[in-house]
């Protein structure tokens, strides 16, 4: 039986740096449960793939420009 590879867990500071926001914003995301996190005892950690998934989920694609109809 093989064990799955262990993922690196990020701290709040590292997640904030990855998202280019301050730590307070990360704490708000935790409080409102808008980002997946792991509790290790009383510490909060993030899987890198969850932070990356959050970035993709929050990405807003630009609208395609349409030509105005002429009457």
PDB file of N, CA and C in Angstrom:
ATOM      1  N   UNK A   1       0.850  -1.182   0.000  1.00  0.00           N
ATOM      2  CA  UNK A   1       0.000   0.000   0.000  1.00  0.00           C
ATOM      3  C   UNK A   1       0.893   1.243   0.000  1.00  0.00           C
ATOM      4  N   UNK A   2       0.615   2.161  -0.902  1.00  0.00           N
ATOM      5  CA  UNK A   2       1.408   3.382  -0.975  1.00  0.00           C
ATOM      6  C   UNK A   2       0.656   4.525  -0.312  1.00  0.00           C
ATOM      7  N   UNK A   3       1.404   5.408   0.276  1.00  0.00           N
ATOM      8  CA  UNK A   3       0.789   6.576   0.908  1.00  0.00           C
ATOM      9  C   UNK A   3       0.839   7.734  -0.077  1.00  0.00           C
ATOM     10  N   UNK A   4      -0.188   8.569  -0.079  1.00  0.00           N
ATOM     11  CA  UNK A   4      -0.182   9.715  -0.982  1.00  0.00           C
ATOM     12  C   UNK A   4       0.911  10.702  -0.586  1.00  0.00           C
ATOM     13  N   UNK A   5       1.425  11.453  -1.553  1.00  0.00           N
ATOM     14  CA  UNK A   5       2.461  12.425  -1.206  1.00  0.00           C
ATOM     15  C   UNK A   5       1.913  13.499  -0.272  1.00  0.00           C
ATOM     16  N   UNK A   6       2.734  13.929   0.641  1.00  0.00           N
ATOM     17  CA  UNK A   6       2.323  14.954   1.604  1.00  0.00           C
ATOM     18  C   UNK A   6       2.436  16.319   0.944  1.00  0.00           C
ATOM     19  N   UNK A   7       1.358  17.086   1.063  1.00  0.00           N
ATOM     20  CA  UNK A   7       1.348  18.426   0.488  1.00  0.00           C
ATOM     21  C   UNK A   7       1.949  19.421   1.472  1.00  0.00           C
ATOM     22  N   UNK A   8       2.583  20.424   0.938  1.00  0.00           N
ATOM     23  CA  UNK A   8       3.100  21.500   1.771  1.00  0.00           C
ATOM     24  C   UNK A   8       1.929  22.369   2.219  1.00  0.00           C
ATOM     25  N   UNK A   9       1.891  22.658   3.501  1.00  0.00           N
ATOM     26  CA  UNK A   9       0.847  23.535   4.031  1.00  0.00           C
ATOM     27  C   UNK A   9       1.409  24.936   4.196  1.00  0.00           C
ATOM     28  N   UNK A  10       0.620  25.910   3.800  1.00  0.00           N
ATOM     29  CA  UNK A  10       1.028  27.310   3.878  1.00  0.00           C
ATOM     30  C   UNK A  10       0.469  27.959   5.136  1.00  0.00           C
ATOM     31  N   UNK A  11       1.214  28.882   5.693  1.00  0.00           N
ATOM     32  CA  UNK A  11       0.738  29.667   6.827  1.00  0.00           C
ATOM     33  C   UNK A  11      -0.137  30.801   6.309  1.00  0.00           C
ATOM     34  N   UNK A  12      -0.750  31.519   7.231  1.00  0.00           N
ATOM     35  CA  UNK A  12      -1.561  32.681   6.844  1.00  0.00           C
ATOM     36  C   UNK A  12      -0.687  33.700   6.117  1.00  0.00           C
ATOM     37  N   UNK A  13       0.510  33.895   6.616  1.00  0.00           N
ATOM     38  CA  UNK A  13       1.426  34.868   5.996  1.00  0.00           C
ATOM     39  C   UNK A  13       1.788  34.454   4.570  1.00  0.00           C
ATOM     40  N   UNK A  14       2.048  33.170   4.361  1.00  0.00           N
ATOM     41  CA  UNK A  14       2.411  32.685   3.037  1.00  0.00           C
ATOM     42  C   UNK A  14       1.229  32.755   2.072  1.00  0.00           C
ATOM     43  N   UNK A  15       0.027  32.433   2.555  1.00  0.00           N
ATOM     44  CA  UNK A  15      -1.168  32.527   1.712  1.00  0.00           C
ATOM     45  C   UNK A  15      -1.430  33.980   1.334  1.00  0.00           C
ATOM     46  N   UNK A  16      -1.238  34.888   2.280  1.00  0.00           N
ATOM     47  CA  UNK A  16      -1.425  36.313   1.999  1.00  0.00           C
ATOM     48  C   UNK A  16      -0.441  36.772   0.925  1.00  0.00           C
ATOM     49  N   UNK A  17       0.793  36.327   1.029  1.00  0.00           N
ATOM     50  CA  UNK A  17       1.795  36.697   0.027  1.00  0.00           C
ATOM     51  C   UNK A  17       1.433  36.125  -1.336  1.00  0.00           C
ATOM     52  N   UNK A  18       0.929  34.908  -1.369  1.00  0.00           N
ATOM     53  CA  UNK A  18       0.564  34.271  -2.629  1.00  0.00           C
ATOM     54  C   UNK A  18      -0.603  34.992  -3.298  1.00  0.00           C
ATOM     55  N   UNK A  19      -1.534  35.492  -2.494  1.00  0.00           N
ATOM     56  CA  UNK A  19      -2.696  36.208  -3.024  1.00  0.00           C
ATOM     57  C   UNK A  19      -2.454  37.715  -3.146  1.00  0.00           C
ATOM     58  N   UNK A  20      -1.304  38.172  -2.682  1.00  0.00           N
ATOM     59  CA  UNK A  20      -0.961  39.601  -2.707  1.00  0.00           C
ATOM     60  C   UNK A  20      -1.988  40.441  -1.950  1.00  0.00           C
ATOM     61  N   UNK A  21      -2.363  39.952  -0.763  1.00  0.00           N
ATOM     62  CA  UNK A  21      -3.265  40.681   0.127  1.00  0.00           C
ATOM     63  C   UNK A  21      -2.631  40.681   1.516  1.00  0.00           C
ATOM     64  N   UNK A  22      -3.243  41.427   2.428  1.00  0.00           N
ATOM     65  CA  UNK A  22      -2.691  41.425   3.782  1.00  0.00           C
ATOM     66  C   UNK A  22      -3.295  40.277   4.604  1.00  0.00           C
ATOM     67  N   UNK A  23      -2.704  40.014   5.741  1.00  0.00           N
ATOM     68  CA  UNK A  23      -3.138  38.905   6.586  1.00  0.00           C
ATOM     69  C   UNK A  23      -4.567  39.094   7.088  1.00  0.00           C
ATOM     70  N   UNK A  24      -4.969  40.325   7.279  1.00  0.00           N
ATOM     71  CA  UNK A  24      -6.330  40.597   7.752  1.00  0.00           C
ATOM     72  C   UNK A  24      -7.366  40.088   6.749  1.00  0.00           C
ATOM     73  N   UNK A  25      -7.066  40.257   5.460  1.00  0.00           N
ATOM     74  CA  UNK A  25      -7.975  39.768   4.425  1.00  0.00           C
ATOM     75  C   UNK A  25      -8.082  38.243   4.475  1.00  0.00           C
ATOM     76  N   UNK A  26      -6.968  37.579   4.688  1.00  0.00           N
ATOM     77  CA  UNK A  26      -6.985  36.117   4.796  1.00  0.00           C
ATOM     78  C   UNK A  26      -7.825  35.690   5.989  1.00  0.00           C
ATOM     79  N   UNK A  27      -7.682  36.388   7.100  1.00  0.00           N
ATOM     80  CA  UNK A  27      -8.473  36.050   8.297  1.00  0.00           C
ATOM     81  C   UNK A  27      -9.964  36.256   8.044  1.00  0.00           C
ATOM     82  N   UNK A  28     -10.324  37.271   7.257  1.00  0.00           N
ATOM     83  CA  UNK A  28     -11.728  37.481   6.891  1.00  0.00           C
ATOM     84  C   UNK A  28     -12.236  36.340   6.011  1.00  0.00           C
ATOM     85  N   UNK A  29     -11.397  35.903   5.076  1.00  0.00           N
ATOM     86  CA  UNK A  29     -11.782  34.794   4.212  1.00  0.00           C
ATOM     87  C   UNK A  29     -12.011  33.523   5.021  1.00  0.00           C
ATOM     88  N   UNK A  30     -11.205  33.314   6.047  1.00  0.00           N
ATOM     89  CA  UNK A  30     -11.375  32.159   6.936  1.00  0.00           C
ATOM     90  C   UNK A  30     -12.688  32.291   7.705  1.00  0.00           C
ATOM     91  N   UNK A  31     -12.911  33.472   8.277  1.00  0.00           N
ATOM     92  CA  UNK A  31     -14.097  33.710   9.100  1.00  0.00           C
ATOM     93  C   UNK A  31     -15.382  33.506   8.314  1.00  0.00           C
ATOM     94  N   UNK A  32     -15.395  33.934   7.054  1.00  0.00           N
ATOM     95  CA  UNK A  32     -16.592  33.809   6.215  1.00  0.00           C
ATOM     96  C   UNK A  32     -16.612  32.504   5.425  1.00  0.00           C
ATOM     97  N   UNK A  33     -15.588  31.671   5.646  1.00  0.00           N
ATOM     98  CA  UNK A  33     -15.468  30.359   4.990  1.00  0.00           C
ATOM     99  C   UNK A  33     -15.466  30.467   3.472  1.00  0.00           C
ATOM    100  N   UNK A  34     -14.747  31.461   2.951  1.00  0.00           N
ATOM    101  CA  UNK A  34     -14.656  31.661   1.505  1.00  0.00           C
ATOM    102  C   UNK A  34     -13.399  31.039   0.921  1.00  0.00           C
ATOM    103  N   UNK A  35     -12.580  30.427   1.765  1.00  0.00           N
ATOM    104  CA  UNK A  35     -11.386  29.734   1.314  1.00  0.00           C
ATOM    105  C   UNK A  35     -11.226  28.474   2.164  1.00  0.00           C
ATOM    106  N   UNK A  36     -10.810  27.394   1.507  1.00  0.00           N
ATOM    107  CA  UNK A  36     -10.615  26.135   2.234  1.00  0.00           C
ATOM    108  C   UNK A  36      -9.359  26.243   3.099  1.00  0.00           C
ATOM    109  N   UNK A  37      -9.439  25.676   4.288  1.00  0.00           N
ATOM    110  CA  UNK A  37      -8.280  25.692   5.182  1.00  0.00           C
ATOM    111  C   UNK A  37      -8.242  24.426   6.005  1.00  0.00           C
ATOM    112  N   UNK A  38      -7.103  24.181   6.621  1.00  0.00           N
ATOM    113  CA  UNK A  38      -6.876  22.991   7.441  1.00  0.00           C
ATOM    114  C   UNK A  38      -6.552  23.471   8.849  1.00  0.00           C
ATOM    115  N   UNK A  39      -7.195  22.867   9.835  1.00  0.00           N
ATOM    116  CA  UNK A  39      -6.885  23.177  11.228  1.00  0.00           C
ATOM    117  C   UNK A  39      -5.879  22.147  11.726  1.00  0.00           C
ATOM    118  N   UNK A  40      -4.751  22.622  12.203  1.00  0.00           N
ATOM    119  CA  UNK A  40      -3.734  21.769  12.809  1.00  0.00           C
ATOM    120  C   UNK A  40      -3.631  22.232  14.253  1.00  0.00           C
ATOM    121  N   UNK A  41      -4.345  21.534  15.117  1.00  0.00           N
ATOM    122  CA  UNK A  41      -4.450  22.015  16.493  1.00  0.00           C
ATOM    123  C   UNK A  41      -5.212  23.331  16.472  1.00  0.00           C
ATOM    124  N   UNK A  42      -4.590  24.371  16.974  1.00  0.00           N
ATOM    125  CA  UNK A  42      -5.243  25.686  16.925  1.00  0.00           C
ATOM    126  C   UNK A  42      -4.716  26.555  15.786  1.00  0.00           C
ATOM    127  N   UNK A  43      -3.840  25.994  14.990  1.00  0.00           N
ATOM    128  CA  UNK A  43      -3.255  26.722  13.869  1.00  0.00           C
ATOM    129  C   UNK A  43      -4.059  26.498  12.593  1.00  0.00           C
ATOM    130  N   UNK A  44      -4.070  27.504  11.737  1.00  0.00           N
ATOM    131  CA  UNK A  44      -4.755  27.419  10.452  1.00  0.00           C
ATOM    132  C   UNK A  44      -3.694  27.337   9.365  1.00  0.00           C
ATOM    133  N   UNK A  45      -3.875  26.386   8.462  1.00  0.00           N
ATOM    134  CA  UNK A  45      -2.957  26.212   7.340  1.00  0.00           C
ATOM    135  C   UNK A  45      -3.759  26.047   6.058  1.00  0.00           C
ATOM    136  N   UNK A  46      -3.097  26.272   4.926  1.00  0.00           N
ATOM    137  CA  UNK A  46      -3.744  26.193   3.625  1.00  0.00           C
ATOM    138  C   UNK A  46      -2.953  25.272   2.710  1.00  0.00           C
ATOM    139  N   UNK A  47      -3.665  24.431   1.969  1.00  0.00           N
ATOM    140  CA  UNK A  47      -3.013  23.653   0.929  1.00  0.00           C
ATOM    141  C   UNK A  47      -2.810  24.585  -0.260  1.00  0.00           C
ATOM    142  N   UNK A  48      -1.662  24.491  -0.875  1.00  0.00           N
ATOM    143  CA  UNK A  48      -1.350  25.364  -2.002  1.00  0.00           C
ATOM    144  C   UNK A  48      -2.391  25.209  -3.109  1.00  0.00           C
ATOM    145  N   UNK A  49      -2.865  24.004  -3.332  1.00  0.00           N
ATOM    146  CA  UNK A  49      -3.858  23.790  -4.392  1.00  0.00           C
ATOM    147  C   UNK A  49      -5.185  24.472  -4.066  1.00  0.00           C
ATOM    148  N   UNK A  50      -5.525  24.610  -2.777  1.00  0.00           N
ATOM    149  CA  UNK A  50      -6.756  25.309  -2.403  1.00  0.00           C
ATOM    150  C   UNK A  50      -6.634  26.809  -2.653  1.00  0.00           C
ATOM    151  N   UNK A  51      -5.462  27.358  -2.387  1.00  0.00           N
ATOM    152  CA  UNK A  51      -5.245  28.786  -2.656  1.00  0.00           C
ATOM    153  C   UNK A  51      -5.298  29.032  -4.165  1.00  0.00           C
ATOM    154  N   UNK A  52      -4.671  28.150  -4.933  1.00  0.00           N
ATOM    155  CA  UNK A  52      -4.701  28.268  -6.386  1.00  0.00           C
ATOM    156  C   UNK A  52      -6.129  28.126  -6.912  1.00  0.00           C
ATOM    157  N   UNK A  53      -6.890  27.189  -6.351  1.00  0.00           N
ATOM    158  CA  UNK A  53      -8.287  27.007  -6.759  1.00  0.00           C
ATOM    159  C   UNK A  53      -9.119  28.251  -6.450  1.00  0.00           C
ATOM    160  N   UNK A  54      -8.840  28.883  -5.314  1.00  0.00           N
ATOM    161  CA  UNK A  54      -9.556  30.115  -4.963  1.00  0.00           C
ATOM    162  C   UNK A  54      -9.252  31.216  -5.974  1.00  0.00           C
ATOM    163  N   UNK A  55      -8.005  31.306  -6.395  1.00  0.00           N
ATOM    164  CA  UNK A  55      -7.633  32.307  -7.398  1.00  0.00           C
ATOM    165  C   UNK A  55      -8.431  32.075  -8.679  1.00  0.00           C
ATOM    166  N   UNK A  56      -8.517  30.835  -9.113  1.00  0.00           N
ATOM    167  CA  UNK A  56      -9.270  30.519 -10.330  1.00  0.00           C
ATOM    168  C   UNK A  56     -10.763  30.774 -10.153  1.00  0.00           C
ATOM    169  N   UNK A  57     -11.287  30.458  -8.984  1.00  0.00           N
ATOM    170  CA  UNK A  57     -12.715  30.667  -8.729  1.00  0.00           C
ATOM    171  C   UNK A  57     -13.076  32.148  -8.703  1.00  0.00           C
ATOM    172  N   UNK A  58     -12.166  32.977  -8.262  1.00  0.00           N
ATOM    173  CA  UNK A  58     -12.433  34.410  -8.154  1.00  0.00           C
ATOM    174  C   UNK A  58     -12.073  35.185  -9.404  1.00  0.00           C
ATOM    175  N   UNK A  59     -11.520  34.517 -10.407  1.00  0.00           N
ATOM    176  CA  UNK A  59     -11.122  35.197 -11.639  1.00  0.00           C
ATOM    177  C   UNK A  59     -12.361  35.558 -12.444  1.00  0.00           C
ATOM    178  N   UNK A  60     -12.425  36.801 -12.851  1.00  0.00           N
ATOM    179  CA  UNK A  60     -13.540  37.290 -13.652  1.00  0.00           C
ATOM    180  C   UNK A  60     -13.006  37.574 -15.048  1.00  0.00           C
ATOM    181  N   UNK A  61     -13.569  36.872 -16.017  1.00  0.00           N
ATOM    182  CA  UNK A  61     -13.142  37.040 -17.405  1.00  0.00           C
ATOM    183  C   UNK A  61     -13.766  38.308 -17.981  1.00  0.00           C
ATOM    184  N   UNK A  62     -13.048  38.988 -18.877  1.00  0.00           N
ATOM    185  CA  UNK A  62     -13.612  40.195 -19.479  1.00  0.00           C
ATOM    186  C   UNK A  62     -14.775  39.854 -20.404  1.00  0.00           C
ATOM    187  N   UNK A  63     -15.681  40.787 -20.511  1.00  0.00           N
ATOM    188  CA  UNK A  63     -16.812  40.603 -21.420  1.00  0.00           C
ATOM    189  C   UNK A  63     -16.344  40.783 -22.850  1.00  0.00           C
ATOM    190  N   UNK A  64     -17.018  40.078 -23.727  1.00  0.00           N
ATOM    191  CA  UNK A  64     -16.734  40.263 -25.135  1.00  0.00           C
ATOM    192  C   UNK A  64     -17.462  41.517 -25.590  1.00  0.00           C
ATOM    193  N   UNK A  65     -16.765  42.311 -26.342  1.00  0.00           N
ATOM    194  CA  UNK A  65     -17.355  43.568 -26.808  1.00  0.00           C
ATOM    195  C   UNK A  65     -18.287  43.274 -27.962  1.00  0.00           C
ATOM    196  N   UNK A  66     -19.505  43.838 -27.887  1.00  0.00           N
ATOM    197  CA  UNK A  66     -20.470  43.674 -28.966  1.00  0.00           C
ATOM    198  C   UNK A  66     -20.713  45.021 -29.606  1.00  0.00           C
ATOM    199  N   UNK A  67     -20.997  44.985 -30.855  1.00  0.00           N
ATOM    200  CA  UNK A  67     -21.273  46.231 -31.566  1.00  0.00           C
ATOM    201  C   UNK A  67     -22.707  46.665 -31.281  1.00  0.00           C
ATOM    202  N   UNK A  68     -22.897  47.958 -31.114  1.00  0.00           N
ATOM    203  CA  UNK A  68     -24.217  48.505 -30.844  1.00  0.00           C
ATOM    204  C   UNK A  68     -25.074  48.372 -32.102  1.00  0.00           C
ATOM    205  N   UNK A  69     -26.332  48.032 -31.903  1.00  0.00           N
ATOM    206  CA  UNK A  69     -27.228  47.904 -33.036  1.00  0.00           C
ATOM    207  C   UNK A  69     -27.609  49.292 -33.531  1.00  0.00           C
ATOM    208  N   UNK A  70     -27.622  49.457 -34.827  1.00  0.00           N
ATOM    209  CA  UNK A  70     -27.998  50.735 -35.430  1.00  0.00           C
ATOM    210  C   UNK A  70     -29.454  50.658 -35.817  1.00  0.00           C
ATOM    211  N   UNK A  71     -30.224  51.697 -35.430  1.00  0.00           N
ATOM    212  CA  UNK A  71     -31.661  51.720 -35.747  1.00  0.00           C
ATOM    213  C   UNK A  71     -31.930  52.486 -36.990  1.00  0.00           C
TER     214      UNK A  71
END
